[in-house]
Amino acid sequence: MQEDMAGDILSCVVYAHPGQGSDVAARISRQPGAEVVAGVAESKLVVTLEDTVDSKAADVMAGLNAVPGVISTLLIYHCAAEALSAAPDHAPAVTQAASPTALQASAFSTSPRALHAEASAAQRTASPAPLPVFSEDSQ
């Protein structure tokens, strides 16, 4: 990891009007911290944005919809500056998602086979949501 990385990094898809991919790409490339990395021929541009001294990547992204030829912009990835500069012992905590079992810190030292068995057991004990029942009268 580089020490000089201090700003946010974003990735987005910018949908341009058909046939205007190269014109829109040229306009976006003039924005501070912006780089068009793919999709020019398809008019579906993959753009990376980085904070600069003069502008925030999020502000540049918000302004992309005003670029002539742009239909819409969709955020794909955002990495906050704090995550880039965080020391390993200050990394964000892992939180429980939609799984019925919590991921414990000791799970990182548990074998993949044991983790798979635990996840399989949790899936077997979870009760599925009932499916709606429709009758001819309900249509």
N, C-alpha and C. Protein backbone atom coordinates (compact mmCIF):
# COMPACT_ATOMS: atom_id res chain seq x y z
N MET A 1 0.85 -1.17 0.00
CA MET A 1 0.00 0.00 0.00
C MET A 1 0.89 1.23 0.00
N GLN A 2 0.56 2.22 -0.80
CA GLN A 2 1.37 3.41 -0.92
C GLN A 2 1.04 4.40 0.18
N GLU A 3 2.06 5.07 0.68
CA GLU A 3 1.88 6.05 1.74
C GLU A 3 1.19 7.32 1.22
N ASP A 4 1.39 7.65 -0.08
CA ASP A 4 0.88 8.91 -0.59
C ASP A 4 -0.61 8.87 -0.93
N MET A 5 -1.27 7.72 -0.80
CA MET A 5 -2.70 7.63 -1.04
C MET A 5 -3.44 8.20 0.15
N ALA A 6 -4.09 9.33 -0.04
CA ALA A 6 -4.77 9.96 1.08
C ALA A 6 -6.22 10.27 0.79
N GLY A 7 -6.66 10.08 -0.43
CA GLY A 7 -8.02 10.44 -0.79
C GLY A 7 -8.90 9.26 -1.13
N ASP A 8 -10.17 9.55 -1.32
CA ASP A 8 -11.13 8.51 -1.70
C ASP A 8 -10.89 8.09 -3.14
N ILE A 9 -11.27 6.85 -3.44
CA ILE A 9 -11.22 6.31 -4.79
C ILE A 9 -12.60 5.78 -5.12
N LEU A 10 -13.14 6.17 -6.27
CA LEU A 10 -14.44 5.71 -6.70
C LEU A 10 -14.33 5.10 -8.08
N SER A 11 -15.23 4.18 -8.35
CA SER A 11 -15.37 3.63 -9.69
C SER A 11 -16.85 3.72 -10.04
N CYS A 12 -17.13 4.12 -11.26
CA CYS A 12 -18.52 4.24 -11.67
C CYS A 12 -18.68 3.88 -13.14
N VAL A 13 -19.91 3.61 -13.52
CA VAL A 13 -20.26 3.40 -14.92
C VAL A 13 -21.06 4.61 -15.35
N VAL A 14 -20.65 5.19 -16.46
CA VAL A 14 -21.33 6.36 -17.00
C VAL A 14 -21.97 5.93 -18.32
N TYR A 15 -23.29 6.01 -18.36
CA TYR A 15 -24.02 5.66 -19.58
C TYR A 15 -24.14 6.91 -20.44
N ALA A 16 -23.61 6.82 -21.66
CA ALA A 16 -23.67 7.93 -22.60
C ALA A 16 -24.69 7.61 -23.68
N HIS A 17 -25.16 8.65 -24.35
CA HIS A 17 -26.07 8.43 -25.48
C HIS A 17 -25.34 7.59 -26.53
N PRO A 18 -26.05 6.68 -27.21
CA PRO A 18 -25.41 5.82 -28.20
C PRO A 18 -24.62 6.63 -29.22
N GLY A 19 -23.40 6.17 -29.47
CA GLY A 19 -22.54 6.81 -30.44
C GLY A 19 -21.77 8.01 -29.91
N GLN A 20 -22.00 8.40 -28.67
CA GLN A 20 -21.31 9.55 -28.11
C GLN A 20 -20.25 9.18 -27.08
N GLY A 21 -19.88 7.90 -27.03
CA GLY A 21 -18.93 7.43 -26.04
C GLY A 21 -17.60 8.15 -26.07
N SER A 22 -17.03 8.36 -27.25
CA SER A 22 -15.72 9.00 -27.33
C SER A 22 -15.79 10.48 -26.94
N ASP A 23 -16.87 11.16 -27.35
CA ASP A 23 -17.02 12.58 -26.97
C ASP A 23 -17.18 12.73 -25.46
N VAL A 24 -18.02 11.88 -24.87
CA VAL A 24 -18.25 11.93 -23.43
C VAL A 24 -16.97 11.55 -22.68
N ALA A 25 -16.25 10.55 -23.18
CA ALA A 25 -15.00 10.14 -22.53
C ALA A 25 -14.00 11.29 -22.52
N ALA A 26 -13.91 12.02 -23.61
CA ALA A 26 -12.99 13.16 -23.66
C ALA A 26 -13.38 14.23 -22.65
N ARG A 27 -14.68 14.48 -22.52
CA ARG A 27 -15.15 15.49 -21.55
C ARG A 27 -14.87 15.04 -20.11
N ILE A 28 -15.13 13.77 -19.84
CA ILE A 28 -14.91 13.24 -18.48
C ILE A 28 -13.42 13.25 -18.14
N SER A 29 -12.57 12.92 -19.10
CA SER A 29 -11.13 12.88 -18.85
C SER A 29 -10.57 14.24 -18.44
N ARG A 30 -11.27 15.30 -18.78
CA ARG A 30 -10.82 16.65 -18.39
C ARG A 30 -11.19 16.98 -16.95
N GLN A 31 -12.01 16.14 -16.31
CA GLN A 31 -12.39 16.38 -14.92
C GLN A 31 -11.21 16.02 -14.01
N PRO A 32 -11.02 16.75 -12.91
CA PRO A 32 -9.89 16.46 -12.02
C PRO A 32 -10.01 15.07 -11.38
N GLY A 33 -8.93 14.29 -11.49
CA GLY A 33 -8.88 12.96 -10.87
C GLY A 33 -9.65 11.89 -11.62
N ALA A 34 -10.14 12.18 -12.82
CA ALA A 34 -10.97 11.22 -13.57
C ALA A 34 -10.15 10.52 -14.64
N GLU A 35 -10.44 9.24 -14.81
CA GLU A 35 -9.82 8.46 -15.87
C GLU A 35 -10.85 7.49 -16.43
N VAL A 36 -11.05 7.52 -17.74
CA VAL A 36 -11.95 6.58 -18.42
C VAL A 36 -11.10 5.37 -18.77
N VAL A 37 -11.49 4.20 -18.26
CA VAL A 37 -10.66 3.00 -18.44
C VAL A 37 -11.24 1.98 -19.42
N ALA A 38 -12.51 2.08 -19.77
CA ALA A 38 -13.10 1.11 -20.70
C ALA A 38 -14.48 1.58 -21.15
N GLY A 39 -15.01 0.88 -22.17
CA GLY A 39 -16.39 1.05 -22.58
C GLY A 39 -16.69 2.17 -23.54
N VAL A 40 -15.69 2.78 -24.13
CA VAL A 40 -15.92 3.93 -25.02
C VAL A 40 -16.75 3.51 -26.23
N ALA A 41 -16.40 2.41 -26.86
CA ALA A 41 -17.11 1.98 -28.08
C ALA A 41 -18.57 1.65 -27.79
N GLU A 42 -18.86 1.16 -26.59
CA GLU A 42 -20.23 0.77 -26.23
C GLU A 42 -21.02 1.92 -25.63
N SER A 43 -20.38 3.07 -25.41
CA SER A 43 -21.00 4.23 -24.75
C SER A 43 -21.43 3.91 -23.33
N LYS A 44 -20.75 2.94 -22.71
CA LYS A 44 -20.96 2.58 -21.30
C LYS A 44 -19.57 2.65 -20.67
N LEU A 45 -19.22 3.81 -20.18
CA LEU A 45 -17.86 4.10 -19.75
C LEU A 45 -17.59 3.65 -18.33
N VAL A 46 -16.49 2.97 -18.13
CA VAL A 46 -16.01 2.64 -16.80
C VAL A 46 -15.03 3.73 -16.43
N VAL A 47 -15.33 4.42 -15.32
CA VAL A 47 -14.55 5.60 -14.93
C VAL A 47 -14.04 5.41 -13.51
N THR A 48 -12.77 5.75 -13.30
CA THR A 48 -12.24 5.80 -11.94
C THR A 48 -12.04 7.27 -11.57
N LEU A 49 -12.33 7.57 -10.33
CA LEU A 49 -12.20 8.94 -9.82
C LEU A 49 -11.40 8.90 -8.53
N GLU A 50 -10.48 9.83 -8.39
CA GLU A 50 -9.70 9.93 -7.17
C GLU A 50 -9.76 11.36 -6.65
N ASP A 51 -9.76 11.50 -5.32
CA ASP A 51 -9.68 12.83 -4.73
C ASP A 51 -8.39 13.50 -5.20
N THR A 52 -8.48 14.79 -5.44
CA THR A 52 -7.29 15.59 -5.74
C THR A 52 -7.20 16.69 -4.69
N VAL A 53 -6.15 17.46 -4.76
CA VAL A 53 -5.97 18.56 -3.82
C VAL A 53 -7.13 19.55 -3.95
N ASP A 54 -7.61 19.75 -5.17
CA ASP A 54 -8.64 20.76 -5.43
C ASP A 54 -10.07 20.24 -5.45
N SER A 55 -10.27 18.93 -5.53
CA SER A 55 -11.64 18.43 -5.64
C SER A 55 -11.79 17.05 -5.02
N LYS A 56 -13.00 16.78 -4.58
CA LYS A 56 -13.36 15.47 -4.04
C LYS A 56 -13.92 14.61 -5.17
N ALA A 57 -13.57 13.33 -5.16
CA ALA A 57 -14.06 12.40 -6.19
C ALA A 57 -15.58 12.33 -6.19
N ALA A 58 -16.20 12.36 -5.02
CA ALA A 58 -17.67 12.29 -4.94
C ALA A 58 -18.31 13.52 -5.59
N ASP A 59 -17.69 14.68 -5.43
CA ASP A 59 -18.21 15.89 -6.07
C ASP A 59 -18.08 15.82 -7.59
N VAL A 60 -16.96 15.29 -8.05
CA VAL A 60 -16.76 15.13 -9.50
C VAL A 60 -17.81 14.16 -10.05
N MET A 61 -18.04 13.06 -9.34
CA MET A 61 -19.04 12.09 -9.80
C MET A 61 -20.43 12.71 -9.85
N ALA A 62 -20.76 13.50 -8.84
CA ALA A 62 -22.07 14.14 -8.82
C ALA A 62 -22.25 15.06 -10.02
N GLY A 63 -21.18 15.63 -10.50
CA GLY A 63 -21.27 16.52 -11.64
C GLY A 63 -21.26 15.83 -12.99
N LEU A 64 -20.98 14.53 -13.02
CA LEU A 64 -20.89 13.84 -14.31
C LEU A 64 -22.23 13.79 -15.04
N ASN A 65 -23.34 13.79 -14.32
CA ASN A 65 -24.63 13.76 -14.99
C ASN A 65 -24.90 15.05 -15.76
N ALA A 66 -24.17 16.11 -15.45
CA ALA A 66 -24.34 17.38 -16.17
C ALA A 66 -23.46 17.46 -17.42
N VAL A 67 -22.58 16.49 -17.61
CA VAL A 67 -21.72 16.48 -18.80
C VAL A 67 -22.58 16.19 -20.02
N PRO A 68 -22.48 17.02 -21.06
CA PRO A 68 -23.28 16.78 -22.27
C PRO A 68 -23.06 15.38 -22.83
N GLY A 69 -24.15 14.70 -23.13
CA GLY A 69 -24.09 13.35 -23.67
C GLY A 69 -24.26 12.25 -22.65
N VAL A 70 -24.24 12.58 -21.35
CA VAL A 70 -24.38 11.58 -20.30
C VAL A 70 -25.86 11.34 -20.01
N ILE A 71 -26.25 10.07 -19.95
CA ILE A 71 -27.61 9.70 -19.58
C ILE A 71 -27.70 9.54 -18.07
N SER A 72 -26.79 8.75 -17.49
CA SER A 72 -26.79 8.54 -16.05
C SER A 72 -25.43 8.02 -15.60
N THR A 73 -25.24 8.08 -14.27
CA THR A 73 -24.00 7.62 -13.66
C THR A 73 -24.36 6.69 -12.51
N LEU A 74 -23.63 5.58 -12.41
CA LEU A 74 -23.90 4.58 -11.38
C LEU A 74 -22.62 4.28 -10.62
N LEU A 75 -22.64 4.50 -9.30
CA LEU A 75 -21.49 4.18 -8.46
C LEU A 75 -21.33 2.67 -8.35
N ILE A 76 -20.12 2.18 -8.58
CA ILE A 76 -19.84 0.75 -8.49
C ILE A 76 -19.01 0.44 -7.26
N TYR A 77 -18.03 1.28 -6.95
CA TYR A 77 -17.10 1.00 -5.86
C TYR A 77 -16.66 2.30 -5.21
N HIS A 78 -16.54 2.29 -3.89
CA HIS A 78 -16.03 3.45 -3.15
C HIS A 78 -15.10 2.96 -2.06
N CYS A 79 -13.88 3.45 -2.07
CA CYS A 79 -12.92 3.14 -1.02
C CYS A 79 -12.58 4.45 -0.32
N ALA A 80 -12.93 4.54 0.95
CA ALA A 80 -12.69 5.75 1.72
C ALA A 80 -11.22 5.89 2.07
N ALA A 81 -10.78 7.13 2.17
CA ALA A 81 -9.38 7.41 2.49
C ALA A 81 -8.98 6.78 3.82
N GLU A 82 -9.91 6.74 4.77
CA GLU A 82 -9.60 6.16 6.08
C GLU A 82 -9.23 4.68 5.95
N ALA A 83 -9.87 3.97 5.04
CA ALA A 83 -9.58 2.55 4.86
C ALA A 83 -8.20 2.35 4.26
N LEU A 84 -7.77 3.29 3.43
CA LEU A 84 -6.45 3.18 2.81
C LEU A 84 -5.34 3.47 3.80
N SER A 85 -5.61 4.36 4.74
CA SER A 85 -4.55 4.77 5.65
C SER A 85 -4.63 4.06 7.00
N ALA A 86 -5.63 3.21 7.21
CA ALA A 86 -5.79 2.53 8.50
C ALA A 86 -4.67 1.52 8.71
N ALA A 87 -4.16 1.49 9.92
CA ALA A 87 -3.16 0.48 10.28
C ALA A 87 -3.86 -0.87 10.37
N PRO A 88 -3.14 -1.98 10.14
CA PRO A 88 -3.78 -3.29 10.17
C PRO A 88 -4.52 -3.58 11.47
N ASP A 89 -4.01 -3.07 12.61
CA ASP A 89 -4.69 -3.33 13.87
C ASP A 89 -5.89 -2.42 14.08
N HIS A 90 -6.11 -1.49 13.18
CA HIS A 90 -7.27 -0.61 13.25
C HIS A 90 -8.23 -0.84 12.09
N ALA A 91 -8.15 -2.00 11.48
CA ALA A 91 -9.02 -2.32 10.35
C ALA A 91 -10.46 -2.39 10.83
N PRO A 92 -11.42 -2.09 9.94
CA PRO A 92 -12.83 -2.15 10.33
C PRO A 92 -13.21 -3.54 10.82
N ALA A 93 -14.08 -3.58 11.80
CA ALA A 93 -14.53 -4.85 12.37
C ALA A 93 -15.44 -5.57 11.40
N VAL A 94 -15.37 -6.89 11.39
CA VAL A 94 -16.27 -7.70 10.58
C VAL A 94 -17.58 -7.81 11.33
N THR A 95 -18.68 -7.52 10.64
CA THR A 95 -19.98 -7.59 11.29
C THR A 95 -20.79 -8.71 10.69
N GLN A 96 -21.79 -9.15 11.43
CA GLN A 96 -22.65 -10.23 10.97
C GLN A 96 -23.56 -9.70 9.88
N ALA A 97 -23.64 -10.42 8.79
CA ALA A 97 -24.51 -10.02 7.69
C ALA A 97 -25.81 -10.80 7.79
N ALA A 98 -26.26 -11.36 6.68
CA ALA A 98 -27.53 -12.08 6.66
C ALA A 98 -27.39 -13.53 7.13
N SER A 99 -26.22 -13.91 7.60
CA SER A 99 -25.99 -15.28 8.04
C SER A 99 -26.54 -15.50 9.43
N PRO A 100 -27.10 -16.68 9.72
CA PRO A 100 -27.61 -16.94 11.06
C PRO A 100 -26.49 -17.16 12.09
N THR A 101 -25.26 -17.34 11.62
CA THR A 101 -24.15 -17.51 12.55
C THR A 101 -23.21 -16.33 12.43
N ALA A 102 -22.64 -15.91 13.54
CA ALA A 102 -21.71 -14.79 13.53
C ALA A 102 -20.32 -15.28 13.18
N LEU A 103 -19.60 -14.47 12.46
CA LEU A 103 -18.22 -14.78 12.14
C LEU A 103 -17.36 -14.30 13.28
N GLN A 104 -16.72 -15.21 13.97
CA GLN A 104 -15.89 -14.88 15.11
C GLN A 104 -14.47 -14.61 14.64
N ALA A 105 -13.72 -13.86 15.44
CA ALA A 105 -12.33 -13.57 15.11
C ALA A 105 -11.53 -14.86 14.96
N SER A 106 -11.89 -15.88 15.72
CA SER A 106 -11.16 -17.14 15.64
C SER A 106 -11.45 -17.88 14.33
N ALA A 107 -12.47 -17.46 13.60
CA ALA A 107 -12.81 -18.13 12.35
C ALA A 107 -11.71 -18.00 11.32
N PHE A 108 -10.88 -16.96 11.46
CA PHE A 108 -9.80 -16.79 10.50
C PHE A 108 -8.74 -17.88 10.66
N SER A 109 -8.68 -18.50 11.83
CA SER A 109 -7.72 -19.57 12.03
C SER A 109 -8.38 -20.94 11.90
N THR A 110 -9.69 -20.97 11.67
CA THR A 110 -10.42 -22.23 11.51
C THR A 110 -10.24 -22.72 10.08
N SER A 111 -10.23 -24.02 9.91
CA SER A 111 -10.04 -24.58 8.58
C SER A 111 -11.27 -24.28 7.71
N PRO A 112 -11.06 -24.18 6.39
CA PRO A 112 -12.18 -23.95 5.48
C PRO A 112 -13.24 -25.04 5.58
N ARG A 113 -12.82 -26.28 5.83
CA ARG A 113 -13.77 -27.40 5.94
C ARG A 113 -14.70 -27.18 7.13
N ALA A 114 -14.15 -26.72 8.27
CA ALA A 114 -14.96 -26.48 9.47
C ALA A 114 -15.92 -25.31 9.23
N LEU A 115 -15.45 -24.29 8.55
CA LEU A 115 -16.33 -23.16 8.25
C LEU A 115 -17.47 -23.57 7.33
N HIS A 116 -17.16 -24.42 6.34
CA HIS A 116 -18.20 -24.90 5.42
C HIS A 116 -19.23 -25.74 6.17
N ALA A 117 -18.76 -26.58 7.08
CA ALA A 117 -19.68 -27.41 7.86
C ALA A 117 -20.58 -26.54 8.73
N GLU A 118 -20.02 -25.49 9.32
CA GLU A 118 -20.81 -24.59 10.16
C GLU A 118 -21.87 -23.86 9.32
N ALA A 119 -21.47 -23.40 8.13
CA ALA A 119 -22.42 -22.70 7.27
C ALA A 119 -23.52 -23.65 6.79
N SER A 120 -23.16 -24.89 6.47
CA SER A 120 -24.15 -25.87 6.02
C SER A 120 -25.15 -26.18 7.12
N ALA A 121 -24.66 -26.31 8.35
CA ALA A 121 -25.55 -26.57 9.47
C ALA A 121 -26.51 -25.40 9.69
N ALA A 122 -26.02 -24.19 9.54
CA ALA A 122 -26.86 -23.02 9.72
C ALA A 122 -27.94 -22.96 8.64
N GLN A 123 -27.60 -23.37 7.42
CA GLN A 123 -28.60 -23.37 6.35
C GLN A 123 -29.68 -24.41 6.60
N ARG A 124 -29.30 -25.56 7.14
CA ARG A 124 -30.27 -26.62 7.40
C ARG A 124 -31.24 -26.23 8.51
N THR A 125 -30.78 -25.46 9.49
CA THR A 125 -31.64 -25.10 10.61
C THR A 125 -32.49 -23.87 10.32
N ALA A 126 -32.14 -23.11 9.31
CA ALA A 126 -32.94 -21.93 8.97
C ALA A 126 -34.23 -22.37 8.31
N SER A 127 -35.34 -21.78 8.74
CA SER A 127 -36.62 -22.17 8.15
C SER A 127 -36.90 -21.27 6.96
N PRO A 128 -37.27 -21.86 5.84
CA PRO A 128 -37.53 -21.06 4.66
C PRO A 128 -38.83 -20.26 4.82
N ALA A 129 -38.89 -19.14 4.14
CA ALA A 129 -40.10 -18.32 4.18
C ALA A 129 -41.22 -19.04 3.42
N PRO A 130 -42.45 -19.00 3.95
CA PRO A 130 -43.53 -19.69 3.25
C PRO A 130 -43.84 -19.00 1.92
N LEU A 131 -44.17 -19.81 0.94
CA LEU A 131 -44.53 -19.28 -0.37
C LEU A 131 -45.99 -18.85 -0.36
N PRO A 132 -46.33 -17.79 -1.08
CA PRO A 132 -47.72 -17.37 -1.12
C PRO A 132 -48.57 -18.41 -1.86
N VAL A 133 -49.79 -18.57 -1.42
CA VAL A 133 -50.71 -19.51 -2.04
C VAL A 133 -51.80 -18.71 -2.74
N PHE A 134 -51.97 -19.00 -4.01
CA PHE A 134 -52.98 -18.30 -4.78
C PHE A 134 -54.07 -19.29 -5.20
N SER A 135 -55.27 -18.84 -5.18
CA SER A 135 -56.37 -19.68 -5.65
C SER A 135 -56.97 -19.00 -6.88
N GLU A 136 -57.86 -19.69 -7.52
CA GLU A 136 -58.49 -19.11 -8.70
C GLU A 136 -59.32 -17.89 -8.33
N ASP A 137 -59.82 -17.84 -7.11
CA ASP A 137 -60.64 -16.72 -6.68
C ASP A 137 -59.81 -15.46 -6.42
N SER A 138 -58.52 -15.63 -6.15
CA SER A 138 -57.69 -14.45 -5.80
C SER A 138 -57.16 -13.73 -7.01
N GLN A 139 -57.46 -14.24 -8.21
CA GLN A 139 -56.92 -13.59 -9.42
C GLN A 139 -57.82 -12.54 -9.93
